[in-house]
């Protein structure tokens, strides 16, 4: 892997923020005023999903690293 998992999460978060900002801008610039077609509703749903996902990704990157739990089935 060329980058660390931390860098991957940070890059993904930044890219998702860019996509969310683009969608929000486009929806504010007239698409929102148009008839709510299936595609427009889908864009709004994607934007809501991104706004829910981004904080979760960022919370993971801020959380302290934890050691994995041992598999209890293998400890007998």
C-alpha atoms as a PDB file:
ATOM      1  CA  UNK A   1       0.000   0.000   0.000  1.00  0.00           C
ATOM      2  CA  UNK A   2       1.417   3.366  -1.024  1.00  0.00           C
ATOM      3  CA  UNK A   3      -0.109   5.375   1.828  1.00  0.00           C
ATOM      4  CA  UNK A   4      -0.961   4.662   5.429  1.00  0.00           C
ATOM      5  CA  UNK A   5      -4.501   3.852   6.455  1.00  0.00           C
ATOM      6  CA  UNK A   6      -4.609   7.162   8.339  1.00  0.00           C
ATOM      7  CA  UNK A   7      -3.690   9.045   5.153  1.00  0.00           C
ATOM      8  CA  UNK A   8      -6.295   7.037   3.258  1.00  0.00           C
ATOM      9  CA  UNK A   9      -8.999   8.006   5.739  1.00  0.00           C
ATOM     10  CA  UNK A  10      -7.925  11.653   5.738  1.00  0.00           C
ATOM     11  CA  UNK A  11      -7.867  11.776   1.928  1.00  0.00           C
ATOM     12  CA  UNK A  12     -11.224  10.040   1.693  1.00  0.00           C
ATOM     13  CA  UNK A  13     -12.749  12.457   4.172  1.00  0.00           C
ATOM     14  CA  UNK A  14     -11.404  15.450   2.231  1.00  0.00           C
ATOM     15  CA  UNK A  15     -12.672  14.044  -1.071  1.00  0.00           C
ATOM     16  CA  UNK A  16     -16.116  13.367   0.401  1.00  0.00           C
ATOM     17  CA  UNK A  17     -16.235  16.921   1.790  1.00  0.00           C
ATOM     18  CA  UNK A  18     -15.428  18.232  -1.687  1.00  0.00           C
ATOM     19  CA  UNK A  19     -18.169  16.108  -3.221  1.00  0.00           C
ATOM     20  CA  UNK A  20     -20.671  17.205  -0.570  1.00  0.00           C
ATOM     21  CA  UNK A  21     -19.812  20.866  -1.154  1.00  0.00           C
ATOM     22  CA  UNK A  22     -20.196  20.422  -4.909  1.00  0.00           C
ATOM     23  CA  UNK A  23     -23.562  18.691  -4.538  1.00  0.00           C
ATOM     24  CA  UNK A  24     -24.805  21.327  -2.097  1.00  0.00           C
ATOM     25  CA  UNK A  25     -23.728  24.131  -4.430  1.00  0.00           C
ATOM     26  CA  UNK A  26     -25.367  22.537  -7.450  1.00  0.00           C
ATOM     27  CA  UNK A  27     -28.570  21.805  -5.580  1.00  0.00           C
ATOM     28  CA  UNK A  28     -28.689  25.411  -4.330  1.00  0.00           C
ATOM     29  CA  UNK A  29     -28.133  26.834  -7.824  1.00  0.00           C
ATOM     30  CA  UNK A  30     -31.459  25.960  -9.318  1.00  0.00           C
ATOM     31  CA  UNK A  31     -31.762  22.224  -9.232  1.00  0.00           C
ATOM     32  CA  UNK A  32     -33.506  22.552  -5.883  1.00  0.00           C
ATOM     33  CA  UNK A  33     -36.017  24.958  -7.451  1.00  0.00           C
ATOM     34  CA  UNK A  34     -36.766  22.584 -10.294  1.00  0.00           C
ATOM     35  CA  UNK A  35     -39.305  19.832 -10.155  1.00  0.00           C
ATOM     36  CA  UNK A  36     -38.091  17.150  -7.790  1.00  0.00           C
ATOM     37  CA  UNK A  37     -37.272  14.450 -10.287  1.00  0.00           C
ATOM     38  CA  UNK A  38     -35.961  11.063  -9.247  1.00  0.00           C
ATOM     39  CA  UNK A  39     -32.446  12.278 -10.022  1.00  0.00           C
ATOM     40  CA  UNK A  40     -32.775  15.421  -7.883  1.00  0.00           C
ATOM     41  CA  UNK A  41     -34.160  13.413  -4.986  1.00  0.00           C
ATOM     42  CA  UNK A  42     -31.252  10.986  -5.403  1.00  0.00           C
ATOM     43  CA  UNK A  43     -28.783  13.896  -5.231  1.00  0.00           C
ATOM     44  CA  UNK A  44     -30.387  15.132  -2.022  1.00  0.00           C
ATOM     45  CA  UNK A  45     -30.206  11.612  -0.567  1.00  0.00           C
ATOM     46  CA  UNK A  46     -26.532  11.297  -1.506  1.00  0.00           C
ATOM     47  CA  UNK A  47     -25.834  14.656   0.142  1.00  0.00           C
ATOM     48  CA  UNK A  48     -27.618  13.574   3.342  1.00  0.00           C
ATOM     49  CA  UNK A  49     -25.649  10.329   3.350  1.00  0.00           C
ATOM     50  CA  UNK A  50     -22.348  12.141   2.874  1.00  0.00           C
ATOM     51  CA  UNK A  51     -23.164  14.540   5.693  1.00  0.00           C
ATOM     52  CA  UNK A  52     -23.784  11.547   7.957  1.00  0.00           C
ATOM     53  CA  UNK A  53     -20.723   9.588   6.803  1.00  0.00           C
ATOM     54  CA  UNK A  54     -18.071  12.314   6.974  1.00  0.00           C
ATOM     55  CA  UNK A  55     -18.291  12.847  10.767  1.00  0.00           C
ATOM     56  CA  UNK A  56     -18.081   9.089  11.303  1.00  0.00           C
ATOM     57  CA  UNK A  57     -14.885   8.849   9.267  1.00  0.00           C
ATOM     58  CA  UNK A  58     -13.415  11.833  11.081  1.00  0.00           C
ATOM     59  CA  UNK A  59     -14.356  10.363  14.467  1.00  0.00           C
ATOM     60  CA  UNK A  60     -12.426   7.209  13.608  1.00  0.00           C
ATOM     61  CA  UNK A  61      -9.329   9.191  12.717  1.00  0.00           C
ATOM     62  CA  UNK A  62      -9.521  11.157  15.999  1.00  0.00           C
ATOM     63  CA  UNK A  63     -10.138   8.082  18.171  1.00  0.00           C
ATOM     64  CA  UNK A  64      -7.153   6.686  20.054  1.00  0.00           C
ATOM     65  CA  UNK A  65      -5.733   3.518  18.575  1.00  0.00           C
ATOM     66  CA  UNK A  66      -6.928   0.381  20.303  1.00  0.00           C
ATOM     67  CA  UNK A  67      -5.478  -3.069  20.279  1.00  0.00           C
ATOM     68  CA  UNK A  68      -7.717  -5.664  18.652  1.00  0.00           C
ATOM     69  CA  UNK A  69      -9.629  -7.938  20.983  1.00  0.00           C
ATOM     70  CA  UNK A  70      -8.410 -11.517  21.032  1.00  0.00           C
ATOM     71  CA  UNK A  71     -10.699 -14.056  19.446  1.00  0.00           C
ATOM     72  CA  UNK A  72     -12.149 -15.927  22.421  1.00  0.00           C
ATOM     73  CA  UNK A  73     -12.879 -19.014  20.335  1.00  0.00           C
ATOM     74  CA  UNK A  74      -9.152 -19.545  19.805  1.00  0.00           C
ATOM     75  CA  UNK A  75      -8.202 -19.161  23.479  1.00  0.00           C
ATOM     76  CA  UNK A  76      -9.295 -22.567  24.769  1.00  0.00           C
END
